[in-house]
Structure formats: C-alpha cells, structure tokens
Amino acid sequence: MKLYNSQLSPYATRVRMQLYLKGINAELVAVPAGGSHTPEYAKMNPLEKIPTLDDNGFYLPESSAIGEYIEDTHPTPSLRPTDAKERAKMRVVFNIADQYLLAPLFELFEQTNPKTRDAKIVDEQITALAKALSGLDHFISGNKYAIGTTATLADCALVPSLFFVNAIGPAFGQTTLMGPKTKAYWTAIQTDPSAAKIVGELSTALADYMKQNA
C-alpha cells in the first residue's frame, strides 16, 4: 500500500495518522515532480488532488473515502465506534474538522502577510472559524479523544485542523478561539504517540514552508 503524500496537507495528514494508529506500514510517496497537476499524477487521480492511495494498483482519491476504505480493509483496531450514536457523532466532528475549520483556515493562510492582508476577509474568516470551534466544543467529549475513550477517525481529522488553528491564529492576534473542551482535548490528544508524531511532522513541514516562502 502506498500513499501519495504531502507532509503539510491536512488531508494527507489525517490518513497518515490513521495509518500510524492502526500500525499499517504503508509507503509514503512524494507527489511526482511538477506536483499533482501533471499527466503522470492525473492517471492515478484525475481530480489532481492530494492524497491518493495506491493499494496494489487500486487508486483511490479523497481522504474521507480513503479513511473508510482503510477501515473496511484493515478493521483492527477499529477507528469507528460500534455504537450508532457515537459513530454518528464521530462523523459530525469529522465534518466540522473537514469543512467548517479548514475552509476559513485556508482563507486565513493566504492572509498571513500583513502587507497584503485584506481586513474584510480576515474578519469574515475569523468569525467563521470561531463559530466552527464553538460547534466543535459542543460535540467533542473534551477528554483525550474526541469521541469516547479511544481514537477514532474524528481525531485523525481534528489533529491537523487544530494544529493549523494553533499555528495560524496568533498571526491575527487570535489565541483564545478554542473553547474549554477543545483546549483540554488539544493538550490531551498530544499525549497519544500517533498524534504527537503528526504534530511533529506538521511543525517541521510548516517551518520548512515558511523558510522557502520568506
């Protein structure tokens, strides 16, 4: 099994965390030279997005679909709760991380340079991010893991998203966006070895990116 990967992509990162949690020794492959918008990569993934999973010639795009496929093909240990209500909550939290957090974070990432910053965009996206984090604080358990007492796919999505909340927020003077349960979760989840490994990888990748784009 191979994962076409970018260390800084939150979508690829959530799949990496799932692989680490499940103990799957997949090969992490850098996207071909020239990026995802190349004929070589488009043959595997015509959407030209990262990541792509290659399972012996079965090419699968979209991190959420990849995550479900890995759970179906490698069911132990399961990262999906057995209880239907808990599993539904897991999907809500996954969607908050996937859609409601990342969308404003991507916009804010483009506004980090004070010289080219659009104050209107920043205000709109900070408001959207704060609303998403408020919703997250309502749904998560507030313990070491987002849902229940063991890691789930919700954690795989949340760790990279909250990493960027923590990394990008201070650039706009925002250090208190996380609610109390989310703050407690963010501290506690990093005691999990797989989550800690992901945070370390993202920290290194972001530092490298900032140096290259200084």
N, C-alpha and C. Protein backbone atom coordinates (compact mmCIF):
# COMPACT_ATOMS: atom_id res chain seq x y z
N MET A 1 0.84 -1.19 0.00
CA MET A 1 0.00 0.00 0.00
C MET A 1 0.88 1.25 0.00
N LYS A 2 0.55 2.19 -0.89
CA LYS A 2 1.29 3.44 -0.99
C LYS A 2 0.33 4.61 -0.79
N LEU A 3 0.83 5.66 -0.18
CA LEU A 3 0.07 6.89 -0.04
C LEU A 3 0.86 8.02 -0.68
N TYR A 4 0.29 8.59 -1.74
CA TYR A 4 0.90 9.78 -2.35
C TYR A 4 0.56 10.95 -1.44
N ASN A 5 1.60 11.55 -0.91
CA ASN A 5 1.52 12.30 0.33
C ASN A 5 2.18 13.68 0.22
N SER A 6 1.66 14.61 1.01
CA SER A 6 2.33 15.89 1.27
C SER A 6 2.34 16.07 2.78
N GLN A 7 3.49 16.33 3.34
CA GLN A 7 3.60 16.41 4.80
C GLN A 7 2.78 17.56 5.38
N LEU A 8 2.52 18.60 4.58
CA LEU A 8 1.80 19.77 5.09
C LEU A 8 0.31 19.72 4.79
N SER A 9 -0.12 18.83 3.94
CA SER A 9 -1.54 18.74 3.59
C SER A 9 -2.34 18.18 4.76
N PRO A 10 -3.37 18.89 5.24
CA PRO A 10 -4.18 18.32 6.32
C PRO A 10 -4.93 17.07 5.88
N TYR A 11 -5.21 16.96 4.59
CA TYR A 11 -5.94 15.79 4.08
C TYR A 11 -5.04 14.55 4.07
N ALA A 12 -3.82 14.72 3.58
CA ALA A 12 -2.87 13.60 3.63
C ALA A 12 -2.49 13.27 5.07
N THR A 13 -2.40 14.30 5.91
CA THR A 13 -2.01 14.11 7.30
C THR A 13 -3.00 13.24 8.05
N ARG A 14 -4.29 13.46 7.80
CA ARG A 14 -5.28 12.65 8.53
C ARG A 14 -5.18 11.17 8.16
N VAL A 15 -4.80 10.90 6.90
CA VAL A 15 -4.62 9.50 6.50
C VAL A 15 -3.36 8.94 7.16
N ARG A 16 -2.29 9.73 7.21
CA ARG A 16 -1.07 9.27 7.88
C ARG A 16 -1.35 8.92 9.34
N MET A 17 -2.12 9.77 10.02
CA MET A 17 -2.42 9.49 11.42
C MET A 17 -3.21 8.19 11.55
N GLN A 18 -4.13 7.96 10.65
CA GLN A 18 -4.89 6.71 10.67
C GLN A 18 -3.96 5.52 10.48
N LEU A 19 -3.03 5.62 9.56
CA LEU A 19 -2.07 4.54 9.34
C LEU A 19 -1.24 4.28 10.59
N TYR A 20 -0.79 5.36 11.24
CA TYR A 20 0.01 5.21 12.45
C TYR A 20 -0.80 4.54 13.57
N LEU A 21 -2.03 5.00 13.75
CA LEU A 21 -2.87 4.44 14.81
C LEU A 21 -3.16 2.96 14.60
N LYS A 22 -3.27 2.55 13.34
CA LYS A 22 -3.61 1.17 13.03
C LYS A 22 -2.38 0.29 12.85
N GLY A 23 -1.19 0.91 12.87
CA GLY A 23 0.03 0.14 12.71
C GLY A 23 0.22 -0.40 11.30
N ILE A 24 -0.28 0.33 10.31
CA ILE A 24 -0.14 -0.09 8.91
C ILE A 24 1.13 0.51 8.34
N ASN A 25 2.00 -0.33 7.84
CA ASN A 25 3.29 0.12 7.31
C ASN A 25 3.17 0.43 5.83
N ALA A 26 2.48 1.53 5.53
CA ALA A 26 2.32 1.95 4.14
C ALA A 26 3.52 2.77 3.70
N GLU A 27 3.79 2.74 2.41
CA GLU A 27 4.88 3.54 1.85
C GLU A 27 4.36 4.94 1.55
N LEU A 28 5.04 5.94 2.10
CA LEU A 28 4.68 7.33 1.83
C LEU A 28 5.48 7.82 0.64
N VAL A 29 4.78 8.22 -0.41
CA VAL A 29 5.41 8.57 -1.67
C VAL A 29 5.18 10.05 -1.95
N ALA A 30 6.25 10.77 -2.24
CA ALA A 30 6.11 12.18 -2.60
C ALA A 30 5.39 12.29 -3.94
N VAL A 31 4.62 13.34 -4.08
CA VAL A 31 3.94 13.59 -5.35
C VAL A 31 5.00 13.78 -6.44
N PRO A 32 4.77 13.25 -7.65
CA PRO A 32 5.79 13.37 -8.71
C PRO A 32 6.25 14.81 -8.94
N ALA A 33 7.46 14.97 -9.42
CA ALA A 33 8.00 16.29 -9.72
C ALA A 33 7.03 17.04 -10.63
N GLY A 34 6.75 18.28 -10.26
CA GLY A 34 5.77 19.05 -11.02
C GLY A 34 4.44 19.14 -10.33
N GLY A 35 4.27 18.34 -9.27
CA GLY A 35 3.06 18.45 -8.47
C GLY A 35 1.94 17.56 -8.93
N SER A 36 0.77 17.79 -8.36
CA SER A 36 -0.38 16.94 -8.64
C SER A 36 -1.02 17.24 -9.99
N HIS A 37 -0.69 18.38 -10.58
CA HIS A 37 -1.29 18.75 -11.86
C HIS A 37 -0.39 18.32 -13.03
N THR A 38 -0.05 17.06 -13.04
CA THR A 38 0.80 16.52 -14.09
C THR A 38 0.11 15.31 -14.71
N PRO A 39 0.40 15.01 -15.97
CA PRO A 39 -0.21 13.83 -16.60
C PRO A 39 0.06 12.55 -15.84
N GLU A 40 1.26 12.42 -15.28
CA GLU A 40 1.62 11.22 -14.53
C GLU A 40 0.70 11.03 -13.33
N TYR A 41 0.49 12.10 -12.56
CA TYR A 41 -0.35 12.01 -11.37
C TYR A 41 -1.82 11.89 -11.76
N ALA A 42 -2.24 12.60 -12.81
CA ALA A 42 -3.65 12.58 -13.22
C ALA A 42 -4.10 11.20 -13.67
N LYS A 43 -3.17 10.36 -14.10
CA LYS A 43 -3.53 9.00 -14.46
C LYS A 43 -4.03 8.23 -13.23
N MET A 44 -3.45 8.54 -12.09
CA MET A 44 -3.86 7.90 -10.85
C MET A 44 -5.07 8.59 -10.24
N ASN A 45 -5.08 9.90 -10.31
CA ASN A 45 -6.12 10.69 -9.68
C ASN A 45 -6.50 11.85 -10.59
N PRO A 46 -7.53 11.68 -11.43
CA PRO A 46 -7.91 12.73 -12.36
C PRO A 46 -8.44 13.99 -11.69
N LEU A 47 -8.73 13.91 -10.39
CA LEU A 47 -9.10 15.11 -9.64
C LEU A 47 -7.89 15.98 -9.34
N GLU A 48 -6.69 15.38 -9.47
CA GLU A 48 -5.41 16.08 -9.28
C GLU A 48 -5.30 16.69 -7.88
N LYS A 49 -5.76 15.93 -6.89
CA LYS A 49 -5.68 16.37 -5.50
C LYS A 49 -4.81 15.41 -4.70
N ILE A 50 -4.39 15.87 -3.54
CA ILE A 50 -3.59 15.07 -2.62
C ILE A 50 -4.44 14.80 -1.38
N PRO A 51 -4.44 13.55 -0.91
CA PRO A 51 -3.61 12.40 -1.26
C PRO A 51 -4.30 11.47 -2.26
N THR A 52 -3.54 10.46 -2.66
CA THR A 52 -4.07 9.32 -3.42
C THR A 52 -3.53 8.05 -2.78
N LEU A 53 -4.40 7.08 -2.60
CA LEU A 53 -3.98 5.79 -2.08
C LEU A 53 -3.82 4.82 -3.24
N ASP A 54 -2.71 4.09 -3.24
CA ASP A 54 -2.46 3.03 -4.23
C ASP A 54 -2.40 1.71 -3.48
N ASP A 55 -3.45 0.91 -3.62
CA ASP A 55 -3.48 -0.40 -2.99
C ASP A 55 -3.35 -1.46 -4.08
N ASN A 56 -2.09 -1.73 -4.41
CA ASN A 56 -1.79 -2.72 -5.46
C ASN A 56 -2.51 -2.41 -6.78
N GLY A 57 -2.41 -1.14 -7.18
CA GLY A 57 -2.99 -0.73 -8.46
C GLY A 57 -4.42 -0.23 -8.36
N PHE A 58 -5.02 -0.30 -7.19
CA PHE A 58 -6.33 0.31 -6.97
C PHE A 58 -6.09 1.72 -6.45
N TYR A 59 -6.36 2.72 -7.29
CA TYR A 59 -6.07 4.10 -6.95
C TYR A 59 -7.34 4.77 -6.40
N LEU A 60 -7.22 5.33 -5.22
CA LEU A 60 -8.37 5.92 -4.56
C LEU A 60 -8.05 7.34 -4.12
N PRO A 61 -8.83 8.34 -4.57
CA PRO A 61 -8.65 9.71 -4.13
C PRO A 61 -9.56 10.03 -2.94
N GLU A 62 -9.45 11.25 -2.45
CA GLU A 62 -10.32 11.78 -1.40
C GLU A 62 -10.04 11.14 -0.04
N SER A 63 -9.53 11.95 0.88
CA SER A 63 -9.09 11.43 2.17
C SER A 63 -10.20 10.76 2.96
N SER A 64 -11.43 11.28 2.88
CA SER A 64 -12.52 10.65 3.63
C SER A 64 -12.83 9.27 3.09
N ALA A 65 -12.82 9.12 1.76
CA ALA A 65 -13.05 7.81 1.15
C ALA A 65 -11.90 6.87 1.46
N ILE A 66 -10.68 7.40 1.44
CA ILE A 66 -9.51 6.58 1.78
C ILE A 66 -9.62 6.08 3.21
N GLY A 67 -10.04 6.96 4.12
CA GLY A 67 -10.17 6.56 5.51
C GLY A 67 -11.18 5.44 5.70
N GLU A 68 -12.32 5.53 5.04
CA GLU A 68 -13.33 4.48 5.15
C GLU A 68 -12.83 3.18 4.52
N TYR A 69 -12.11 3.28 3.41
CA TYR A 69 -11.58 2.09 2.75
C TYR A 69 -10.57 1.37 3.64
N ILE A 70 -9.71 2.15 4.28
CA ILE A 70 -8.72 1.55 5.18
C ILE A 70 -9.42 0.85 6.34
N GLU A 71 -10.47 1.46 6.88
CA GLU A 71 -11.22 0.82 7.96
C GLU A 71 -11.88 -0.47 7.49
N ASP A 72 -12.39 -0.46 6.27
CA ASP A 72 -13.06 -1.65 5.74
C ASP A 72 -12.08 -2.79 5.47
N THR A 73 -10.88 -2.44 5.00
CA THR A 73 -9.91 -3.46 4.62
C THR A 73 -8.97 -3.85 5.75
N HIS A 74 -8.85 -2.99 6.75
CA HIS A 74 -8.00 -3.26 7.92
C HIS A 74 -8.82 -2.93 9.17
N PRO A 75 -9.77 -3.79 9.51
CA PRO A 75 -10.74 -3.43 10.55
C PRO A 75 -10.23 -3.41 11.99
N THR A 76 -9.01 -3.90 12.22
CA THR A 76 -8.49 -3.95 13.59
C THR A 76 -7.17 -3.19 13.70
N PRO A 77 -7.02 -2.30 14.67
CA PRO A 77 -8.06 -1.82 15.59
C PRO A 77 -9.01 -0.87 14.88
N SER A 78 -10.27 -0.92 15.24
CA SER A 78 -11.26 -0.08 14.58
C SER A 78 -11.17 1.36 15.06
N LEU A 79 -11.26 2.29 14.12
CA LEU A 79 -11.32 3.72 14.44
C LEU A 79 -12.73 4.26 14.22
N ARG A 80 -13.70 3.36 14.25
CA ARG A 80 -15.11 3.75 14.16
C ARG A 80 -15.85 3.16 15.37
N PRO A 81 -16.54 3.97 16.15
CA PRO A 81 -17.26 3.44 17.31
C PRO A 81 -18.29 2.39 16.89
N THR A 82 -18.55 1.44 17.77
CA THR A 82 -19.54 0.41 17.47
C THR A 82 -20.96 0.92 17.70
N ASP A 83 -21.13 1.83 18.65
CA ASP A 83 -22.45 2.39 18.93
C ASP A 83 -22.87 3.34 17.82
N ALA A 84 -24.11 3.20 17.35
CA ALA A 84 -24.57 4.01 16.21
C ALA A 84 -24.57 5.50 16.52
N LYS A 85 -24.95 5.88 17.72
CA LYS A 85 -24.99 7.30 18.07
C LYS A 85 -23.58 7.87 18.17
N GLU A 86 -22.67 7.11 18.76
CA GLU A 86 -21.28 7.55 18.85
C GLU A 86 -20.64 7.65 17.47
N ARG A 87 -20.98 6.71 16.61
CA ARG A 87 -20.44 6.75 15.25
C ARG A 87 -20.98 7.97 14.49
N ALA A 88 -22.25 8.30 14.71
CA ALA A 88 -22.82 9.49 14.08
C ALA A 88 -22.14 10.76 14.59
N LYS A 89 -21.89 10.83 15.90
CA LYS A 89 -21.18 11.98 16.47
C LYS A 89 -19.77 12.08 15.90
N MET A 90 -19.12 10.93 15.72
CA MET A 90 -17.79 10.92 15.11
C MET A 90 -17.83 11.58 13.74
N ARG A 91 -18.85 11.26 12.96
CA ARG A 91 -18.94 11.82 11.61
C ARG A 91 -19.23 13.32 11.63
N VAL A 92 -20.02 13.76 12.62
CA VAL A 92 -20.26 15.20 12.76
C VAL A 92 -18.95 15.92 13.06
N VAL A 93 -18.18 15.40 14.01
CA VAL A 93 -16.91 16.02 14.36
C VAL A 93 -15.94 15.98 13.19
N PHE A 94 -15.92 14.85 12.48
CA PHE A 94 -15.08 14.75 11.29
C PHE A 94 -15.44 15.84 10.28
N ASN A 95 -16.74 16.04 10.06
CA ASN A 95 -17.18 17.05 9.10
C ASN A 95 -16.85 18.46 9.57
N ILE A 96 -16.95 18.71 10.88
CA ILE A 96 -16.56 20.04 11.38
C ILE A 96 -15.09 20.30 11.09
N ALA A 97 -14.25 19.30 11.37
CA ALA A 97 -12.81 19.45 11.09
C ALA A 97 -12.54 19.60 9.61
N ASP A 98 -13.25 18.81 8.82
CA ASP A 98 -13.00 18.74 7.39
C ASP A 98 -13.49 19.98 6.64
N GLN A 99 -14.64 20.49 7.01
CA GLN A 99 -15.28 21.56 6.26
C GLN A 99 -15.27 22.90 6.99
N TYR A 100 -15.78 22.92 8.21
CA TYR A 100 -16.01 24.18 8.89
C TYR A 100 -14.75 24.80 9.48
N LEU A 101 -13.75 23.97 9.79
CA LEU A 101 -12.48 24.52 10.25
C LEU A 101 -11.54 24.81 9.10
N LEU A 102 -11.38 23.87 8.19
CA LEU A 102 -10.38 24.04 7.14
C LEU A 102 -10.72 25.16 6.16
N ALA A 103 -12.00 25.34 5.86
CA ALA A 103 -12.36 26.38 4.88
C ALA A 103 -11.88 27.77 5.30
N PRO A 104 -12.20 28.26 6.51
CA PRO A 104 -11.65 29.57 6.89
C PRO A 104 -10.14 29.55 7.11
N LEU A 105 -9.60 28.41 7.55
CA LEU A 105 -8.15 28.35 7.75
C LEU A 105 -7.39 28.53 6.45
N PHE A 106 -7.89 27.93 5.37
CA PHE A 106 -7.25 28.11 4.07
C PHE A 106 -7.27 29.58 3.66
N GLU A 107 -8.40 30.24 3.89
CA GLU A 107 -8.51 31.66 3.54
C GLU A 107 -7.56 32.50 4.39
N LEU A 108 -7.47 32.20 5.66
CA LEU A 108 -6.59 32.96 6.55
C LEU A 108 -5.12 32.71 6.23
N PHE A 109 -4.81 31.49 5.80
CA PHE A 109 -3.42 31.18 5.44
C PHE A 109 -2.93 32.11 4.33
N GLU A 110 -3.84 32.49 3.44
CA GLU A 110 -3.49 33.39 2.34
C GLU A 110 -3.36 34.85 2.80
N GLN A 111 -3.75 35.13 4.04
CA GLN A 111 -3.74 36.50 4.56
C GLN A 111 -2.69 36.72 5.65
N THR A 112 -1.76 35.80 5.78
CA THR A 112 -0.80 35.90 6.88
C THR A 112 0.20 37.04 6.70
N ASN A 113 0.42 37.48 5.47
CA ASN A 113 1.34 38.59 5.24
C ASN A 113 0.63 39.91 5.52
N PRO A 114 1.03 40.66 6.56
CA PRO A 114 0.35 41.91 6.90
C PRO A 114 0.36 42.94 5.77
N LYS A 115 1.35 42.87 4.89
CA LYS A 115 1.47 43.86 3.82
C LYS A 115 0.40 43.69 2.75
N THR A 116 -0.09 42.49 2.58
CA THR A 116 -1.08 42.23 1.53
C THR A 116 -2.43 41.78 2.12
N ARG A 117 -2.59 41.95 3.40
CA ARG A 117 -3.76 41.44 4.10
C ARG A 117 -5.01 42.27 3.78
N ASP A 118 -6.13 41.57 3.60
CA ASP A 118 -7.43 42.20 3.40
C ASP A 118 -8.21 42.07 4.71
N ALA A 119 -8.40 43.17 5.39
CA ALA A 119 -9.02 43.14 6.72
C ALA A 119 -10.44 42.59 6.68
N LYS A 120 -11.17 42.85 5.61
CA LYS A 120 -12.54 42.36 5.50
C LYS A 120 -12.56 40.82 5.44
N ILE A 121 -11.67 40.26 4.63
CA ILE A 121 -11.59 38.80 4.53
C ILE A 121 -11.19 38.21 5.87
N VAL A 122 -10.23 38.82 6.54
CA VAL A 122 -9.77 38.31 7.83
C VAL A 122 -10.91 38.30 8.84
N ASP A 123 -11.66 39.40 8.92
CA ASP A 123 -12.77 39.48 9.88
C ASP A 123 -13.82 38.42 9.58
N GLU A 124 -14.15 38.23 8.31
CA GLU A 124 -15.15 37.24 7.94
C GLU A 124 -14.71 35.82 8.30
N GLN A 125 -13.45 35.52 8.01
CA GLN A 125 -12.97 34.16 8.22
C GLN A 125 -12.70 33.86 9.70
N ILE A 126 -12.27 34.86 10.46
CA ILE A 126 -12.12 34.66 11.90
C ILE A 126 -13.49 34.38 12.53
N THR A 127 -14.52 35.10 12.08
CA THR A 127 -15.87 34.87 12.57
C THR A 127 -16.34 33.46 12.24
N ALA A 128 -16.09 33.02 11.01
CA ALA A 128 -16.48 31.66 10.59
C ALA A 128 -15.71 30.61 11.39
N LEU A 129 -14.43 30.86 11.62
CA LEU A 129 -13.61 29.90 12.37
C LEU A 129 -14.07 29.82 13.83
N ALA A 130 -14.39 30.97 14.42
CA ALA A 130 -14.86 30.98 15.81
C ALA A 130 -16.18 30.22 15.94
N LYS A 131 -17.06 30.38 14.98
CA LYS A 131 -18.33 29.66 15.01
C LYS A 131 -18.12 28.16 14.91
N ALA A 132 -17.22 27.75 14.03
CA ALA A 132 -16.92 26.33 13.86
C ALA A 132 -16.33 25.74 15.14
N LEU A 133 -15.43 26.48 15.78
CA LEU A 133 -14.81 26.00 17.00
C LEU A 133 -15.82 25.92 18.15
N SER A 134 -16.77 26.84 18.15
CA SER A 134 -17.84 26.78 19.15
C SER A 134 -18.68 25.52 18.96
N GLY A 135 -19.00 25.21 17.71
CA GLY A 135 -19.73 23.98 17.42
C GLY A 135 -18.95 22.75 17.81
N LEU A 136 -17.65 22.77 17.54
CA LEU A 136 -16.80 21.64 17.91
C LEU A 136 -16.81 21.43 19.41
N ASP A 137 -16.74 22.52 20.17
CA ASP A 137 -16.70 22.42 21.62
C ASP A 137 -17.98 21.78 22.17
N HIS A 138 -19.06 21.92 21.43
CA HIS A 138 -20.33 21.31 21.84
C HIS A 138 -20.31 19.80 21.66
N PHE A 139 -19.67 19.33 20.59
CA PHE A 139 -19.81 17.93 20.21
C PHE A 139 -18.72 17.01 20.75
N ILE A 140 -17.51 17.52 20.99
CA ILE A 140 -16.45 16.61 21.41
C ILE A 140 -16.59 16.24 22.88
N SER A 141 -15.93 15.15 23.24
CA SER A 141 -16.01 14.66 24.60
C SER A 141 -15.25 15.55 25.58
N GLY A 142 -14.19 16.18 25.10
CA GLY A 142 -13.38 17.01 25.98
C GLY A 142 -12.35 16.22 26.75
N ASN A 143 -12.19 14.97 26.40
CA ASN A 143 -11.20 14.11 27.04
C ASN A 143 -10.00 13.95 26.12
N LYS A 144 -9.26 12.87 26.29
CA LYS A 144 -8.08 12.65 25.45
C LYS A 144 -8.46 12.45 24.00
N TYR A 145 -9.61 11.83 23.76
CA TYR A 145 -10.07 11.58 22.40
C TYR A 145 -11.38 12.32 22.15
N ALA A 146 -11.64 12.62 20.90
CA ALA A 146 -12.78 13.47 20.55
C ALA A 146 -14.11 12.82 20.88
N ILE A 147 -14.21 11.53 20.62
CA ILE A 147 -15.44 10.78 20.86
C ILE A 147 -15.09 9.52 21.64
N GLY A 148 -15.62 9.39 22.85
CA GLY A 148 -15.37 8.18 23.63
C GLY A 148 -13.98 8.14 24.23
N THR A 149 -13.50 6.93 24.46
CA THR A 149 -12.25 6.74 25.20
C THR A 149 -11.11 6.17 24.35
N THR A 150 -11.36 6.02 23.06
CA THR A 150 -10.30 5.55 22.16
C THR A 150 -10.28 6.42 20.91
N ALA A 151 -9.20 6.32 20.17
CA ALA A 151 -9.04 7.13 18.96
C ALA A 151 -10.05 6.70 17.89
N THR A 152 -10.53 7.70 17.14
CA THR A 152 -11.43 7.44 16.03
C THR A 152 -11.00 8.29 14.83
N LEU A 153 -11.72 8.13 13.74
CA LEU A 153 -11.45 8.93 12.55
C LEU A 153 -11.64 10.42 12.83
N ALA A 154 -12.45 10.76 13.81
CA ALA A 154 -12.62 12.16 14.18
C ALA A 154 -11.30 12.76 14.63
N ASP A 155 -10.52 12.01 15.40
CA ASP A 155 -9.22 12.50 15.85
C ASP A 155 -8.26 12.68 14.67
N CYS A 156 -8.34 11.77 13.71
CA CYS A 156 -7.46 11.87 12.54
C CYS A 156 -7.71 13.17 11.78
N ALA A 157 -8.97 13.60 11.73
CA ALA A 157 -9.30 14.85 11.04
C ALA A 157 -9.01 16.07 11.92
N LEU A 158 -9.27 15.93 13.22
CA LEU A 158 -9.13 17.09 14.10
C LEU A 158 -7.69 17.50 14.34
N VAL A 159 -6.79 16.56 14.50
CA VAL A 159 -5.42 16.91 14.87
C VAL A 159 -4.78 17.87 13.86
N PRO A 160 -4.80 17.59 12.55
CA PRO A 160 -4.22 18.57 11.63
C PRO A 160 -4.99 19.89 11.58
N SER A 161 -6.31 19.84 11.70
CA SER A 161 -7.09 21.08 11.66
C SER A 161 -6.77 21.96 12.86
N LEU A 162 -6.73 21.37 14.05
CA LEU A 162 -6.43 22.17 15.24
C LEU A 162 -4.97 22.61 15.28
N PHE A 163 -4.10 21.83 14.67
CA PHE A 163 -2.70 22.29 14.54
C PHE A 163 -2.66 23.63 13.81
N PHE A 164 -3.42 23.74 12.73
CA PHE A 164 -3.40 24.99 11.96
C PHE A 164 -4.15 26.11 12.67
N VAL A 165 -5.17 25.78 13.44
CA VAL A 165 -5.80 26.81 14.28
C VAL A 165 -4.76 27.40 15.22
N ASN A 166 -3.99 26.53 15.85
CA ASN A 166 -2.98 26.93 16.82
C ASN A 166 -1.82 27.67 16.15
N ALA A 167 -1.51 27.28 14.91
CA ALA A 167 -0.37 27.88 14.20
C ALA A 167 -0.72 29.21 13.54
N ILE A 168 -1.93 29.31 12.99
CA ILE A 168 -2.30 30.48 12.21
C ILE A 168 -2.95 31.57 13.05
N GLY A 169 -3.75 31.18 14.04
CA GLY A 169 -4.49 32.15 14.85
C GLY A 169 -3.65 33.28 15.41
N PRO A 170 -2.50 32.99 16.03
CA PRO A 170 -1.69 34.06 16.61
C PRO A 170 -1.24 35.12 15.62
N ALA A 171 -1.13 34.76 14.33
CA ALA A 171 -0.74 35.75 13.32
C ALA A 171 -1.77 36.86 13.20
N PHE A 172 -2.98 36.59 13.67
CA PHE A 172 -4.06 37.58 13.61
C PHE A 172 -4.48 38.01 15.02
N GLY A 173 -3.62 37.76 15.99
CA GLY A 173 -3.92 38.14 17.35
C GLY A 173 -4.97 37.28 18.01
N GLN A 174 -5.18 36.08 17.46
CA GLN A 174 -6.23 35.20 17.97
C GLN A 174 -5.58 34.01 18.69
N THR A 175 -5.62 34.04 20.01
CA THR A 175 -5.03 32.96 20.79
C THR A 175 -6.05 32.27 21.70
N THR A 176 -7.30 32.72 21.65
CA THR A 176 -8.32 32.17 22.56
C THR A 176 -9.55 31.68 21.79
N LEU A 177 -9.37 31.26 20.55
CA LEU A 177 -10.50 30.83 19.75
C LEU A 177 -11.06 29.48 20.21
N MET A 178 -10.21 28.59 20.71
CA MET A 178 -10.68 27.28 21.13
C MET A 178 -11.49 27.41 22.42
N GLY A 179 -12.60 26.66 22.49
CA GLY A 179 -13.39 26.60 23.70
C GLY A 179 -12.69 25.74 24.75
N PRO A 180 -13.21 25.70 25.97
CA PRO A 180 -12.53 24.98 27.05
C PRO A 180 -12.37 23.48 26.80
N LYS A 181 -13.39 22.84 26.25
CA LYS A 181 -13.28 21.41 25.98
C LYS A 181 -12.28 21.15 24.88
N THR A 182 -12.26 22.02 23.86
CA THR A 182 -11.32 21.85 22.76
C THR A 182 -9.89 22.09 23.22
N LYS A 183 -9.67 23.08 24.06
CA LYS A 183 -8.34 23.33 24.61
C LYS A 183 -7.85 22.12 25.39
N ALA A 184 -8.72 21.57 26.23
CA ALA A 184 -8.34 20.40 27.02
C ALA A 184 -8.03 19.21 26.11
N TYR A 185 -8.85 19.05 25.09
CA TYR A 185 -8.63 17.97 24.12
C TYR A 185 -7.30 18.15 23.41
N TRP A 186 -7.01 19.36 22.95
CA TRP A 186 -5.79 19.61 22.17
C TRP A 186 -4.54 19.29 22.99
N THR A 187 -4.58 19.60 24.27
CA THR A 187 -3.46 19.26 25.14
C THR A 187 -3.36 17.76 25.34
N ALA A 188 -4.50 17.13 25.61
CA ALA A 188 -4.51 15.71 25.94
C ALA A 188 -4.19 14.82 24.75
N ILE A 189 -4.70 15.16 23.57
CA ILE A 189 -4.51 14.29 22.40
C ILE A 189 -3.05 14.18 22.04
N GLN A 190 -2.26 15.18 22.38
CA GLN A 190 -0.84 15.15 22.02
C GLN A 190 -0.03 14.20 22.91
N THR A 191 -0.67 13.61 23.92
CA THR A 191 -0.01 12.56 24.68
C THR A 191 -0.15 11.21 23.97
N ASP A 192 -1.00 11.14 22.96
CA ASP A 192 -1.09 9.93 22.15
C ASP A 192 0.12 9.92 21.19
N PRO A 193 0.89 8.84 21.13
CA PRO A 193 2.10 8.82 20.31
C PRO A 193 1.86 9.13 18.84
N SER A 194 0.76 8.63 18.28
CA SER A 194 0.49 8.88 16.86
C SER A 194 0.16 10.34 16.61
N ALA A 195 -0.63 10.94 17.51
CA ALA A 195 -0.96 12.36 17.38
C ALA A 195 0.29 13.22 17.56
N ALA A 196 1.12 12.86 18.53
CA ALA A 196 2.36 13.61 18.76
C ALA A 196 3.27 13.55 17.54
N LYS A 197 3.32 12.38 16.91
CA LYS A 197 4.13 12.23 15.71
C LYS A 197 3.62 13.13 14.60
N ILE A 198 2.31 13.20 14.45
CA ILE A 198 1.70 14.05 13.42
C ILE A 198 2.00 15.52 13.68
N VAL A 199 1.85 15.96 14.93
CA VAL A 199 2.13 17.36 15.27
C VAL A 199 3.58 17.69 14.97
N GLY A 200 4.48 16.77 15.27
CA GLY A 200 5.90 16.99 14.95
C GLY A 200 6.15 17.11 13.46
N GLU A 201 5.51 16.23 12.69
CA GLU A 201 5.67 16.29 11.23
C GLU A 201 5.13 17.59 10.67
N LEU A 202 3.98 18.00 11.15
CA LEU A 202 3.38 19.25 10.66
C LEU A 202 4.23 20.46 11.05
N SER A 203 4.76 20.45 12.25
CA SER A 203 5.61 21.56 12.70
C SER A 203 6.84 21.70 11.82
N THR A 204 7.46 20.58 11.50
CA THR A 204 8.64 20.60 10.63
C THR A 204 8.28 21.06 9.23
N ALA A 205 7.18 20.54 8.70
CA ALA A 205 6.77 20.89 7.35
C ALA A 205 6.39 22.36 7.24
N LEU A 206 5.70 22.89 8.25
CA LEU A 206 5.31 24.30 8.22
C LEU A 206 6.53 25.19 8.33
N ALA A 207 7.48 24.84 9.19
CA ALA A 207 8.71 25.62 9.31
C ALA A 207 9.47 25.65 7.99
N ASP A 208 9.55 24.51 7.32
CA ASP A 208 10.23 24.45 6.02
C ASP A 208 9.50 25.32 5.00
N TYR A 209 8.18 25.26 5.01
CA TYR A 209 7.39 26.07 4.06
C TYR A 209 7.63 27.56 4.30
N MET A 210 7.64 27.97 5.55
CA MET A 210 7.82 29.38 5.86
C MET A 210 9.20 29.87 5.45
N LYS A 211 10.20 29.01 5.61
CA LYS A 211 11.56 29.39 5.18
C LYS A 211 11.61 29.57 3.67
N GLN A 212 10.98 28.65 2.95
CA GLN A 212 11.01 28.71 1.50
C GLN A 212 10.21 29.88 0.94
N ASN A 213 9.25 30.37 1.71
CA ASN A 213 8.39 31.45 1.23
C ASN A 213 8.59 32.75 1.99
N ALA A 214 9.72 32.86 2.69
CA ALA A 214 10.01 34.08 3.45
C ALA A 214 10.31 35.23 2.50
